[in-house]
Amino acid sequence: MTTEELTAITPDKVIDARGTACPGPLLEAKKGIGAVKVSQIIEIKSNDQGSRKDISAWSGKIGHEFLGFIEADGHDRLFVRRKK
């Protein structure tokens, strides 16, 4: 997705994992994905450098769709659509 498309997303759940080190943001994403319905989107806010790679890899491995990330005010906003 483009930056504009990601910016326009209104997530169904926002997980604020800023200030937590690896694997904190990934663990929070795993917990949070269960709180939304299939086809809904979670946003994970993280300032951990490894989150981009970790959450993208986890999403693909589990079968969810990693939509991408955008940078915002010293942290990343990562978006995942629940697929199952």
N, C-alpha and C. Protein backbone atom coordinates (compact mmCIF):
# COMPACT_ATOMS: atom_id res chain seq x y z
N MET A 1 0.85 -1.19 0.00
CA MET A 1 0.00 0.00 0.00
C MET A 1 0.89 1.24 0.00
N THR A 2 0.35 2.30 -0.54
CA THR A 2 1.10 3.56 -0.56
C THR A 2 1.00 4.25 0.81
N THR A 3 1.86 5.21 1.01
CA THR A 3 1.82 5.98 2.26
C THR A 3 0.47 6.67 2.42
N GLU A 4 -0.06 7.18 1.33
CA GLU A 4 -1.36 7.85 1.39
C GLU A 4 -2.47 6.88 1.79
N GLU A 5 -2.43 5.68 1.24
CA GLU A 5 -3.43 4.67 1.59
C GLU A 5 -3.31 4.26 3.05
N LEU A 6 -2.09 4.07 3.52
CA LEU A 6 -1.88 3.71 4.92
C LEU A 6 -2.34 4.82 5.86
N THR A 7 -2.07 6.06 5.49
CA THR A 7 -2.47 7.20 6.31
C THR A 7 -3.99 7.29 6.41
N ALA A 8 -4.69 6.86 5.38
CA ALA A 8 -6.15 6.95 5.35
C ALA A 8 -6.84 5.83 6.14
N ILE A 9 -6.10 4.83 6.57
CA ILE A 9 -6.69 3.71 7.30
C ILE A 9 -7.17 4.16 8.68
N THR A 10 -8.38 3.75 9.01
CA THR A 10 -8.88 3.89 10.37
C THR A 10 -8.86 2.49 10.98
N PRO A 11 -7.85 2.20 11.82
CA PRO A 11 -7.74 0.84 12.35
C PRO A 11 -8.88 0.50 13.30
N ASP A 12 -9.17 -0.78 13.38
CA ASP A 12 -10.21 -1.25 14.30
C ASP A 12 -9.68 -1.37 15.72
N LYS A 13 -8.37 -1.50 15.85
CA LYS A 13 -7.72 -1.55 17.16
C LYS A 13 -6.33 -0.96 17.03
N VAL A 14 -5.95 -0.12 17.99
CA VAL A 14 -4.61 0.47 18.03
C VAL A 14 -3.87 -0.10 19.24
N ILE A 15 -2.68 -0.59 18.99
CA ILE A 15 -1.83 -1.15 20.04
C ILE A 15 -0.62 -0.24 20.18
N ASP A 16 -0.47 0.36 21.34
CA ASP A 16 0.65 1.26 21.58
C ASP A 16 1.76 0.49 22.29
N ALA A 17 2.75 0.06 21.51
CA ALA A 17 3.87 -0.70 22.06
C ALA A 17 5.14 0.14 22.10
N ARG A 18 4.99 1.45 22.02
CA ARG A 18 6.16 2.34 22.09
C ARG A 18 6.80 2.18 23.47
N GLY A 19 8.12 2.18 23.46
CA GLY A 19 8.85 2.06 24.72
C GLY A 19 9.14 0.64 25.12
N THR A 20 8.64 -0.33 24.37
CA THR A 20 8.95 -1.73 24.67
C THR A 20 9.97 -2.25 23.66
N ALA A 21 10.91 -3.01 24.16
CA ALA A 21 11.95 -3.57 23.30
C ALA A 21 11.49 -4.92 22.76
N CYS A 22 12.16 -5.36 21.72
CA CYS A 22 11.90 -6.66 21.12
C CYS A 22 11.96 -7.74 22.21
N PRO A 23 11.02 -8.63 22.28
CA PRO A 23 9.91 -8.91 21.37
C PRO A 23 8.59 -8.27 21.79
N GLY A 24 8.62 -7.24 22.61
CA GLY A 24 7.41 -6.62 23.13
C GLY A 24 6.37 -6.24 22.09
N PRO A 25 6.74 -5.47 21.06
CA PRO A 25 5.73 -5.10 20.06
C PRO A 25 5.11 -6.31 19.35
N LEU A 26 5.92 -7.31 19.07
CA LEU A 26 5.40 -8.51 18.42
C LEU A 26 4.43 -9.25 19.34
N LEU A 27 4.77 -9.37 20.60
CA LEU A 27 3.87 -10.03 21.55
C LEU A 27 2.56 -9.27 21.69
N GLU A 28 2.64 -7.95 21.70
CA GLU A 28 1.42 -7.14 21.78
C GLU A 28 0.57 -7.32 20.52
N ALA A 29 1.21 -7.42 19.36
CA ALA A 29 0.48 -7.65 18.12
C ALA A 29 -0.23 -9.00 18.15
N LYS A 30 0.46 -10.00 18.64
CA LYS A 30 -0.14 -11.34 18.73
C LYS A 30 -1.38 -11.32 19.62
N LYS A 31 -1.31 -10.61 20.73
CA LYS A 31 -2.47 -10.50 21.63
C LYS A 31 -3.59 -9.69 20.97
N GLY A 32 -3.21 -8.61 20.33
CA GLY A 32 -4.19 -7.69 19.77
C GLY A 32 -4.95 -8.22 18.58
N ILE A 33 -4.33 -9.07 17.78
CA ILE A 33 -5.00 -9.59 16.58
C ILE A 33 -6.22 -10.42 16.95
N GLY A 34 -6.18 -11.04 18.11
CA GLY A 34 -7.33 -11.83 18.57
C GLY A 34 -8.52 -11.00 19.01
N ALA A 35 -8.31 -9.71 19.16
CA ALA A 35 -9.38 -8.83 19.63
C ALA A 35 -10.19 -8.22 18.49
N VAL A 36 -9.78 -8.51 17.24
CA VAL A 36 -10.53 -7.98 16.10
C VAL A 36 -11.08 -9.14 15.26
N LYS A 37 -12.08 -8.83 14.46
CA LYS A 37 -12.70 -9.83 13.60
C LYS A 37 -11.89 -10.00 12.32
N VAL A 38 -12.12 -11.12 11.65
CA VAL A 38 -11.49 -11.38 10.37
C VAL A 38 -11.80 -10.22 9.42
N SER A 39 -10.81 -9.77 8.71
CA SER A 39 -10.81 -8.65 7.75
C SER A 39 -10.63 -7.28 8.42
N GLN A 40 -10.62 -7.23 9.74
CA GLN A 40 -10.37 -5.96 10.41
C GLN A 40 -8.86 -5.71 10.52
N ILE A 41 -8.51 -4.47 10.84
CA ILE A 41 -7.11 -4.04 10.83
C ILE A 41 -6.68 -3.58 12.21
N ILE A 42 -5.47 -4.02 12.60
CA ILE A 42 -4.85 -3.49 13.80
C ILE A 42 -3.68 -2.59 13.38
N GLU A 43 -3.44 -1.60 14.21
CA GLU A 43 -2.28 -0.73 14.04
C GLU A 43 -1.40 -0.92 15.27
N ILE A 44 -0.12 -1.15 15.04
CA ILE A 44 0.84 -1.29 16.13
C ILE A 44 1.77 -0.09 16.07
N LYS A 45 1.81 0.67 17.15
CA LYS A 45 2.76 1.79 17.25
C LYS A 45 3.99 1.27 17.96
N SER A 46 5.15 1.45 17.33
CA SER A 46 6.39 0.91 17.90
C SER A 46 7.57 1.80 17.55
N ASN A 47 8.47 1.94 18.50
CA ASN A 47 9.72 2.64 18.20
C ASN A 47 10.90 1.67 18.28
N ASP A 48 10.62 0.37 18.23
CA ASP A 48 11.65 -0.66 18.19
C ASP A 48 12.01 -0.92 16.73
N GLN A 49 13.28 -0.81 16.40
CA GLN A 49 13.75 -0.96 15.02
C GLN A 49 13.39 -2.31 14.39
N GLY A 50 13.35 -3.36 15.18
CA GLY A 50 13.09 -4.69 14.63
C GLY A 50 11.63 -4.97 14.32
N SER A 51 10.73 -4.10 14.75
CA SER A 51 9.30 -4.37 14.58
C SER A 51 8.88 -4.48 13.12
N ARG A 52 9.45 -3.67 12.27
CA ARG A 52 9.07 -3.72 10.84
C ARG A 52 9.27 -5.13 10.30
N LYS A 53 10.43 -5.68 10.55
CA LYS A 53 10.76 -7.01 10.05
C LYS A 53 9.99 -8.09 10.81
N ASP A 54 9.96 -7.98 12.13
CA ASP A 54 9.33 -9.01 12.96
C ASP A 54 7.83 -9.14 12.69
N ILE A 55 7.13 -8.02 12.65
CA ILE A 55 5.68 -8.07 12.47
C ILE A 55 5.31 -8.46 11.04
N SER A 56 6.10 -8.02 10.08
CA SER A 56 5.88 -8.44 8.70
C SER A 56 6.05 -9.94 8.55
N ALA A 57 7.15 -10.49 9.10
CA ALA A 57 7.42 -11.93 9.01
C ALA A 57 6.35 -12.73 9.74
N TRP A 58 5.97 -12.31 10.93
CA TRP A 58 4.95 -13.01 11.71
C TRP A 58 3.63 -13.02 10.96
N SER A 59 3.24 -11.89 10.38
CA SER A 59 1.97 -11.81 9.65
C SER A 59 1.92 -12.83 8.52
N GLY A 60 2.99 -12.89 7.73
CA GLY A 60 3.03 -13.84 6.62
C GLY A 60 3.03 -15.28 7.08
N LYS A 61 3.77 -15.55 8.15
CA LYS A 61 3.87 -16.92 8.67
C LYS A 61 2.53 -17.42 9.19
N ILE A 62 1.79 -16.55 9.86
CA ILE A 62 0.52 -16.93 10.48
C ILE A 62 -0.64 -16.90 9.48
N GLY A 63 -0.49 -16.09 8.41
CA GLY A 63 -1.54 -16.02 7.41
C GLY A 63 -2.33 -14.72 7.43
N HIS A 64 -1.83 -13.72 8.14
CA HIS A 64 -2.46 -12.40 8.12
C HIS A 64 -1.79 -11.56 7.04
N GLU A 65 -2.33 -10.40 6.75
CA GLU A 65 -1.80 -9.55 5.70
C GLU A 65 -1.12 -8.32 6.31
N PHE A 66 0.19 -8.23 6.11
CA PHE A 66 0.93 -7.05 6.55
C PHE A 66 0.74 -5.99 5.48
N LEU A 67 0.09 -4.89 5.85
CA LEU A 67 -0.25 -3.85 4.88
C LEU A 67 0.89 -2.87 4.66
N GLY A 68 1.77 -2.73 5.66
CA GLY A 68 2.89 -1.82 5.54
C GLY A 68 3.04 -0.98 6.79
N PHE A 69 3.91 0.02 6.69
CA PHE A 69 4.14 0.91 7.83
C PHE A 69 4.41 2.31 7.33
N ILE A 70 4.17 3.26 8.22
CA ILE A 70 4.54 4.64 7.97
C ILE A 70 5.24 5.16 9.21
N GLU A 71 6.14 6.11 9.01
CA GLU A 71 6.86 6.72 10.13
C GLU A 71 6.07 7.93 10.61
N ALA A 72 6.01 8.08 11.94
CA ALA A 72 5.25 9.19 12.51
C ALA A 72 5.83 9.61 13.86
N ASP A 73 6.34 10.81 13.94
CA ASP A 73 6.78 11.40 15.21
C ASP A 73 7.66 10.48 16.06
N GLY A 74 8.70 9.91 15.46
CA GLY A 74 9.65 9.11 16.22
C GLY A 74 9.25 7.66 16.44
N HIS A 75 8.19 7.22 15.79
CA HIS A 75 7.80 5.81 15.89
C HIS A 75 7.22 5.36 14.56
N ASP A 76 7.04 4.06 14.44
CA ASP A 76 6.40 3.49 13.25
C ASP A 76 4.95 3.16 13.57
N ARG A 77 4.12 3.28 12.55
CA ARG A 77 2.73 2.81 12.61
C ARG A 77 2.65 1.64 11.64
N LEU A 78 2.48 0.44 12.16
CA LEU A 78 2.45 -0.78 11.35
C LEU A 78 1.01 -1.30 11.29
N PHE A 79 0.61 -1.76 10.12
CA PHE A 79 -0.78 -2.16 9.91
C PHE A 79 -0.87 -3.62 9.46
N VAL A 80 -1.76 -4.36 10.13
CA VAL A 80 -1.96 -5.78 9.83
C VAL A 80 -3.46 -6.04 9.72
N ARG A 81 -3.85 -6.73 8.63
CA ARG A 81 -5.24 -7.14 8.47
C ARG A 81 -5.37 -8.60 8.89
N ARG A 82 -6.33 -8.86 9.78
CA ARG A 82 -6.57 -10.25 10.21
C ARG A 82 -7.22 -11.01 9.07
N LYS A 83 -6.66 -12.16 8.73
CA LYS A 83 -7.15 -12.95 7.61
C LYS A 83 -7.81 -14.26 8.01
N LYS A 84 -7.65 -14.66 9.24
CA LYS A 84 -8.29 -15.93 9.65
C LYS A 84 -8.65 -15.89 11.11
